[in-house]
Amino acid sequence: MVGERGTPMDNIIAWNIRGLNWPNKQEDLKAFLHTNKVGMIGLIETKIKMTNDSVVAIRTFPGWRWDNNSTLTIKGRLWIAWQPRSYEVRVIQNSDQIIHSYVTQVNTNKKFYITFIYGINHEQQRQQMWEELKAISHQDRKAKMVYKQSSHTESLLSREQYEETMAIWSRTWIRETI
């Protein structure tokens, strides 16, 4: 999709939406995406049940593609939505705490990995998330973009574990871009 002045809708954002069930909030989000030329968004803490996700997606993201990690036992923790004229997205890994995807920006043909994260509050369950992230960092040796709810996710892990994970991604990015 192209914005009002012919500029592509290429901005990527992550947003802890804290619930997306109300139609007014869905309309506000839709207006925000258009106004800010957003072509991809990771939504955190949507609280949308799997039985309602199609209705909400059609209302909020007309003409967009989307995926989420909703199941019958949890409300939607993470959603990813993208404007197909701006991005091609292939979800590689989808769990209760991450959505990891391979993305191609359509107008530049640039390719990258992006991971949206929303960690569970319990330490033992978070450990699985960090194991998944470490595995991703070892499998995919390309530059990554990681979106997280910063104050929450950083505090979920010891500073040492967080820095170790980010260092792996930084070294990979530097090696691949030089």
C-alpha atoms as a PDB file:
ATOM      1  CA  MET A   1       0.000   0.000   0.000  1.00  0.00           C
ATOM      2  CA  VAL A   2       1.215   3.480  -0.778  1.00  0.00           C
ATOM      3  CA  GLY A   3       0.628   6.438   1.507  1.00  0.00           C
ATOM      4  CA  GLU A   4      -0.968   9.718   0.478  1.00  0.00           C
ATOM      5  CA  ARG A   5       2.210  11.215  -1.018  1.00  0.00           C
ATOM      6  CA  GLY A   6       3.243   8.075  -2.880  1.00  0.00           C
ATOM      7  CA  THR A   7       5.600   6.879  -0.154  1.00  0.00           C
ATOM      8  CA  PRO A   8       5.555   3.168   0.615  1.00  0.00           C
ATOM      9  CA  MET A   9       4.057   1.929   3.843  1.00  0.00           C
ATOM     10  CA  ASP A  10       7.331   0.413   5.028  1.00  0.00           C
ATOM     11  CA  ASN A  11       7.515   1.337   8.705  1.00  0.00           C
ATOM     12  CA  ILE A  12       7.713  -1.578  11.120  1.00  0.00           C
ATOM     13  CA  ILE A  13       6.512  -1.217  14.682  1.00  0.00           C
ATOM     14  CA  ALA A  14       5.799  -3.298  17.766  1.00  0.00           C
ATOM     15  CA  TRP A  15       3.044  -2.283  20.152  1.00  0.00           C
ATOM     16  CA  ASN A  16       1.845  -3.662  23.464  1.00  0.00           C
ATOM     17  CA  ILE A  17      -1.791  -3.050  22.612  1.00  0.00           C
ATOM     18  CA  ARG A  18      -3.127  -4.447  25.932  1.00  0.00           C
ATOM     19  CA  GLY A  19      -6.256  -5.831  24.305  1.00  0.00           C
ATOM     20  CA  LEU A  20      -7.754  -5.399  20.852  1.00  0.00           C
ATOM     21  CA  ASN A  21     -11.295  -6.650  21.382  1.00  0.00           C
ATOM     22  CA  TRP A  22     -13.127  -3.296  21.316  1.00  0.00           C
ATOM     23  CA  PRO A  23     -14.186  -2.000  17.854  1.00  0.00           C
ATOM     24  CA  ASN A  24     -13.133   1.565  18.796  1.00  0.00           C
ATOM     25  CA  LYS A  25      -9.600   0.389  19.556  1.00  0.00           C
ATOM     26  CA  GLN A  26      -9.512  -1.533  16.275  1.00  0.00           C
ATOM     27  CA  GLU A  27     -10.526   1.607  14.356  1.00  0.00           C
ATOM     28  CA  ASP A  28      -7.905   3.674  16.205  1.00  0.00           C
ATOM     29  CA  LEU A  29      -5.225   1.129  15.310  1.00  0.00           C
ATOM     30  CA  LYS A  30      -6.302   1.055  11.659  1.00  0.00           C
ATOM     31  CA  ALA A  31      -6.090   4.877  11.483  1.00  0.00           C
ATOM     32  CA  PHE A  32      -2.694   4.854  13.226  1.00  0.00           C
ATOM     33  CA  LEU A  33      -1.290   2.325  10.726  1.00  0.00           C
ATOM     34  CA  HIS A  34      -2.396   4.444   7.777  1.00  0.00           C
ATOM     35  CA  THR A  35      -1.296   7.791   9.229  1.00  0.00           C
ATOM     36  CA  ASN A  36       2.149   6.473  10.144  1.00  0.00           C
ATOM     37  CA  LYS A  37       2.670   4.465   6.941  1.00  0.00           C
ATOM     38  CA  VAL A  38       3.102   1.208   8.835  1.00  0.00           C
ATOM     39  CA  GLY A  39       3.621  -1.814   6.605  1.00  0.00           C
ATOM     40  CA  MET A  40       4.233  -4.374   9.358  1.00  0.00           C
ATOM     41  CA  ILE A  41       3.235  -4.537  12.991  1.00  0.00           C
ATOM     42  CA  GLY A  42       3.847  -6.910  15.856  1.00  0.00           C
ATOM     43  CA  LEU A  43       1.073  -6.684  18.422  1.00  0.00           C
ATOM     44  CA  ILE A  44       1.728  -7.826  21.952  1.00  0.00           C
ATOM     45  CA  GLU A  45      -0.934  -8.821  24.475  1.00  0.00           C
ATOM     46  CA  THR A  46      -3.904  -8.713  22.072  1.00  0.00           C
ATOM     47  CA  LYS A  47      -6.142 -10.827  24.360  1.00  0.00           C
ATOM     48  CA  ILE A  48      -8.153 -12.000  21.354  1.00  0.00           C
ATOM     49  CA  LYS A  49      -9.575 -15.506  21.497  1.00  0.00           C
ATOM     50  CA  MET A  50      -8.901 -17.780  18.551  1.00  0.00           C
ATOM     51  CA  THR A  51     -12.630 -17.922  17.788  1.00  0.00           C
ATOM     52  CA  ASN A  52     -12.654 -14.134  17.227  1.00  0.00           C
ATOM     53  CA  ASP A  53      -9.327 -13.599  15.479  1.00  0.00           C
ATOM     54  CA  SER A  54     -10.641 -13.629  11.889  1.00  0.00           C
ATOM     55  CA  VAL A  55     -13.344 -11.057  12.653  1.00  0.00           C
ATOM     56  CA  VAL A  56     -10.872  -8.739  14.381  1.00  0.00           C
ATOM     57  CA  ALA A  57      -8.269  -9.163  11.624  1.00  0.00           C
ATOM     58  CA  ILE A  58     -10.720  -8.391   8.820  1.00  0.00           C
ATOM     59  CA  ARG A  59     -12.005  -5.322  10.662  1.00  0.00           C
ATOM     60  CA  THR A  60      -8.584  -4.011  11.700  1.00  0.00           C
ATOM     61  CA  PHE A  61      -6.347  -5.060   8.799  1.00  0.00           C
ATOM     62  CA  PRO A  62      -8.416  -4.953   5.584  1.00  0.00           C
ATOM     63  CA  GLY A  63      -6.276  -6.176   2.693  1.00  0.00           C
ATOM     64  CA  TRP A  64      -3.456  -7.222   5.028  1.00  0.00           C
ATOM     65  CA  ARG A  65      -2.136 -10.667   5.885  1.00  0.00           C
ATOM     66  CA  TRP A  66      -1.663 -11.766   9.456  1.00  0.00           C
ATOM     67  CA  ASP A  67      -0.691 -14.579  11.780  1.00  0.00           C
ATOM     68  CA  ASN A  68      -0.806 -15.070  15.534  1.00  0.00           C
ATOM     69  CA  ASN A  69       0.010 -17.530  18.256  1.00  0.00           C
ATOM     70  CA  SER A  70      -3.531 -18.027  19.545  1.00  0.00           C
ATOM     71  CA  THR A  71      -4.606 -21.465  20.609  1.00  0.00           C
ATOM     72  CA  LEU A  72      -7.726 -22.762  22.251  1.00  0.00           C
ATOM     73  CA  THR A  73      -6.115 -22.427  25.690  1.00  0.00           C
ATOM     74  CA  ILE A  74      -4.608 -18.934  25.484  1.00  0.00           C
ATOM     75  CA  LYS A  75      -5.853 -15.628  24.247  1.00  0.00           C
ATOM     76  CA  GLY A  76      -3.741 -14.103  21.508  1.00  0.00           C
ATOM     77  CA  ARG A  77      -0.470 -13.032  23.055  1.00  0.00           C
ATOM     78  CA  LEU A  78       1.283 -12.112  19.795  1.00  0.00           C
ATOM     79  CA  TRP A  79       0.042 -11.073  16.379  1.00  0.00           C
ATOM     80  CA  ILE A  80       2.000 -10.111  13.308  1.00  0.00           C
ATOM     81  CA  ALA A  81       0.265  -8.299  10.456  1.00  0.00           C
ATOM     82  CA  TRP A  82       1.719  -6.962   7.223  1.00  0.00           C
ATOM     83  CA  GLN A  83       0.704  -5.088   4.116  1.00  0.00           C
ATOM     84  CA  PRO A  84       1.422  -7.562   1.263  1.00  0.00           C
ATOM     85  CA  ARG A  85       2.314  -4.747  -1.146  1.00  0.00           C
ATOM     86  CA  SER A  86       5.119  -3.758   1.228  1.00  0.00           C
ATOM     87  CA  TYR A  87       6.289  -7.068   2.700  1.00  0.00           C
ATOM     88  CA  GLU A  88       6.343 -10.778   1.992  1.00  0.00           C
ATOM     89  CA  VAL A  89       6.432 -12.698   5.276  1.00  0.00           C
ATOM     90  CA  ARG A  90       7.067 -16.358   5.963  1.00  0.00           C
ATOM     91  CA  VAL A  91       6.510 -17.325   9.590  1.00  0.00           C
ATOM     92  CA  ILE A  92       9.251 -19.787  10.474  1.00  0.00           C
ATOM     93  CA  GLN A  93       8.551 -20.392  14.138  1.00  0.00           C
ATOM     94  CA  ASN A  94       5.461 -19.686  16.181  1.00  0.00           C
ATOM     95  CA  SER A  95       5.230 -20.497  19.885  1.00  0.00           C
ATOM     96  CA  ASP A  96       3.411 -19.100  22.889  1.00  0.00           C
ATOM     97  CA  GLN A  97       6.166 -16.474  23.409  1.00  0.00           C
ATOM     98  CA  ILE A  98       7.643 -15.693  19.974  1.00  0.00           C
ATOM     99  CA  ILE A  99       6.802 -15.304  16.322  1.00  0.00           C
ATOM    100  CA  HIS A 100       9.933 -15.572  14.185  1.00  0.00           C
ATOM    101  CA  SER A 101       9.674 -14.742  10.484  1.00  0.00           C
ATOM    102  CA  TYR A 102      11.676 -14.297   7.310  1.00  0.00           C
ATOM    103  CA  VAL A 103      10.699 -11.064   5.563  1.00  0.00           C
ATOM    104  CA  THR A 104      11.281  -9.544   2.142  1.00  0.00           C
ATOM    105  CA  GLN A 105      10.650  -5.837   1.661  1.00  0.00           C
ATOM    106  CA  VAL A 106       8.876  -5.804  -1.698  1.00  0.00           C
ATOM    107  CA  ASN A 107      10.090  -2.475  -3.147  1.00  0.00           C
ATOM    108  CA  THR A 108      13.793  -3.025  -2.281  1.00  0.00           C
ATOM    109  CA  ASN A 109      13.963  -6.830  -2.243  1.00  0.00           C
ATOM    110  CA  LYS A 110      15.853  -6.592   1.073  1.00  0.00           C
ATOM    111  CA  LYS A 111      15.513  -9.723   3.178  1.00  0.00           C
ATOM    112  CA  PHE A 112      15.751 -10.048   6.943  1.00  0.00           C
ATOM    113  CA  TYR A 113      14.583 -12.047   9.927  1.00  0.00           C
ATOM    114  CA  ILE A 114      12.325 -10.506  12.529  1.00  0.00           C
ATOM    115  CA  THR A 115      11.243 -11.903  15.870  1.00  0.00           C
ATOM    116  CA  PHE A 116       8.420 -10.526  17.970  1.00  0.00           C
ATOM    117  CA  ILE A 117       8.597 -11.558  21.627  1.00  0.00           C
ATOM    118  CA  TYR A 118       6.266 -11.500  24.595  1.00  0.00           C
ATOM    119  CA  GLY A 119       7.664 -13.493  27.501  1.00  0.00           C
ATOM    120  CA  ILE A 120       5.555 -15.348  30.035  1.00  0.00           C
ATOM    121  CA  ASN A 121       5.788 -14.077  33.604  1.00  0.00           C
ATOM    122  CA  HIS A 122       6.968 -17.370  35.129  1.00  0.00           C
ATOM    123  CA  GLU A 123      10.721 -18.008  35.063  1.00  0.00           C
ATOM    124  CA  GLN A 124      10.518 -21.711  34.165  1.00  0.00           C
ATOM    125  CA  GLN A 125       8.237 -20.992  31.201  1.00  0.00           C
ATOM    126  CA  ARG A 126      10.449 -18.088  30.071  1.00  0.00           C
ATOM    127  CA  GLN A 127      13.427 -20.429  29.937  1.00  0.00           C
ATOM    128  CA  GLN A 128      11.805 -22.118  26.931  1.00  0.00           C
ATOM    129  CA  MET A 129      11.605 -18.735  25.162  1.00  0.00           C
ATOM    130  CA  TRP A 130      15.319 -18.092  25.693  1.00  0.00           C
ATOM    131  CA  GLU A 131      16.170 -21.578  24.468  1.00  0.00           C
ATOM    132  CA  GLU A 132      14.130 -20.903  21.322  1.00  0.00           C
ATOM    133  CA  LEU A 133      15.890 -17.563  20.774  1.00  0.00           C
ATOM    134  CA  LYS A 134      19.313 -19.108  21.217  1.00  0.00           C
ATOM    135  CA  ALA A 135      18.419 -21.855  18.735  1.00  0.00           C
ATOM    136  CA  ILE A 136      17.235 -19.234  16.242  1.00  0.00           C
ATOM    137  CA  SER A 137      20.448 -17.272  16.629  1.00  0.00           C
ATOM    138  CA  HIS A 138      22.519 -20.373  15.877  1.00  0.00           C
ATOM    139  CA  GLN A 139      20.380 -21.576  12.937  1.00  0.00           C
ATOM    140  CA  ASP A 140      19.848 -18.344  11.054  1.00  0.00           C
ATOM    141  CA  ARG A 141      23.127 -16.522  10.507  1.00  0.00           C
ATOM    142  CA  LYS A 142      21.592 -13.414   8.937  1.00  0.00           C
ATOM    143  CA  ALA A 143      20.921 -10.028  10.497  1.00  0.00           C
ATOM    144  CA  LYS A 144      17.904 -10.005  12.778  1.00  0.00           C
ATOM    145  CA  MET A 145      15.426  -7.500  14.022  1.00  0.00           C
ATOM    146  CA  VAL A 146      14.033  -8.337  17.442  1.00  0.00           C
ATOM    147  CA  TYR A 147      11.040  -6.543  18.816  1.00  0.00           C
ATOM    148  CA  LYS A 148      10.137  -7.023  22.423  1.00  0.00           C
ATOM    149  CA  GLN A 149       8.276  -5.273  25.148  1.00  0.00           C
ATOM    150  CA  SER A 150      11.539  -3.944  26.512  1.00  0.00           C
ATOM    151  CA  SER A 151      10.904  -3.278  30.194  1.00  0.00           C
ATOM    152  CA  HIS A 152       9.146  -6.616  30.651  1.00  0.00           C
ATOM    153  CA  THR A 153      11.337  -8.907  28.577  1.00  0.00           C
ATOM    154  CA  GLU A 154      14.673  -7.554  29.791  1.00  0.00           C
ATOM    155  CA  SER A 155      13.586  -8.018  33.379  1.00  0.00           C
ATOM    156  CA  LEU A 156      12.506 -11.605  32.711  1.00  0.00           C
ATOM    157  CA  LEU A 157      16.055 -12.805  32.408  1.00  0.00           C
ATOM    158  CA  SER A 158      19.216 -12.081  34.240  1.00  0.00           C
ATOM    159  CA  ARG A 159      21.241  -9.282  32.664  1.00  0.00           C
ATOM    160  CA  GLU A 160      23.947 -11.816  31.775  1.00  0.00           C
ATOM    161  CA  GLN A 161      21.527 -14.070  29.864  1.00  0.00           C
ATOM    162  CA  TYR A 162      19.974 -11.103  28.043  1.00  0.00           C
ATOM    163  CA  GLU A 163      23.385  -9.716  27.029  1.00  0.00           C
ATOM    164  CA  GLU A 164      24.555 -13.162  25.876  1.00  0.00           C
ATOM    165  CA  THR A 165      21.550 -13.540  23.574  1.00  0.00           C
ATOM    166  CA  MET A 166      21.866 -10.013  22.181  1.00  0.00           C
ATOM    167  CA  ALA A 167      25.628 -10.466  21.703  1.00  0.00           C
ATOM    168  CA  ILE A 168      25.026 -13.512  19.524  1.00  0.00           C
ATOM    169  CA  TRP A 169      22.710 -11.474  17.302  1.00  0.00           C
ATOM    170  CA  SER A 170      25.090  -8.505  17.202  1.00  0.00           C
ATOM    171  CA  ARG A 171      28.085 -10.642  16.184  1.00  0.00           C
ATOM    172  CA  THR A 172      25.992 -12.330  13.516  1.00  0.00           C
ATOM    173  CA  TRP A 173      24.777  -9.004  12.129  1.00  0.00           C
ATOM    174  CA  ILE A 174      28.279  -7.520  12.019  1.00  0.00           C
ATOM    175  CA  ARG A 175      29.719 -10.622  10.323  1.00  0.00           C
ATOM    176  CA  GLU A 176      26.955 -10.701   7.691  1.00  0.00           C
ATOM    177  CA  THR A 177      27.018  -6.990   6.869  1.00  0.00           C
ATOM    178  CA  ILE A 178      30.775  -6.459   6.534  1.00  0.00           C
END
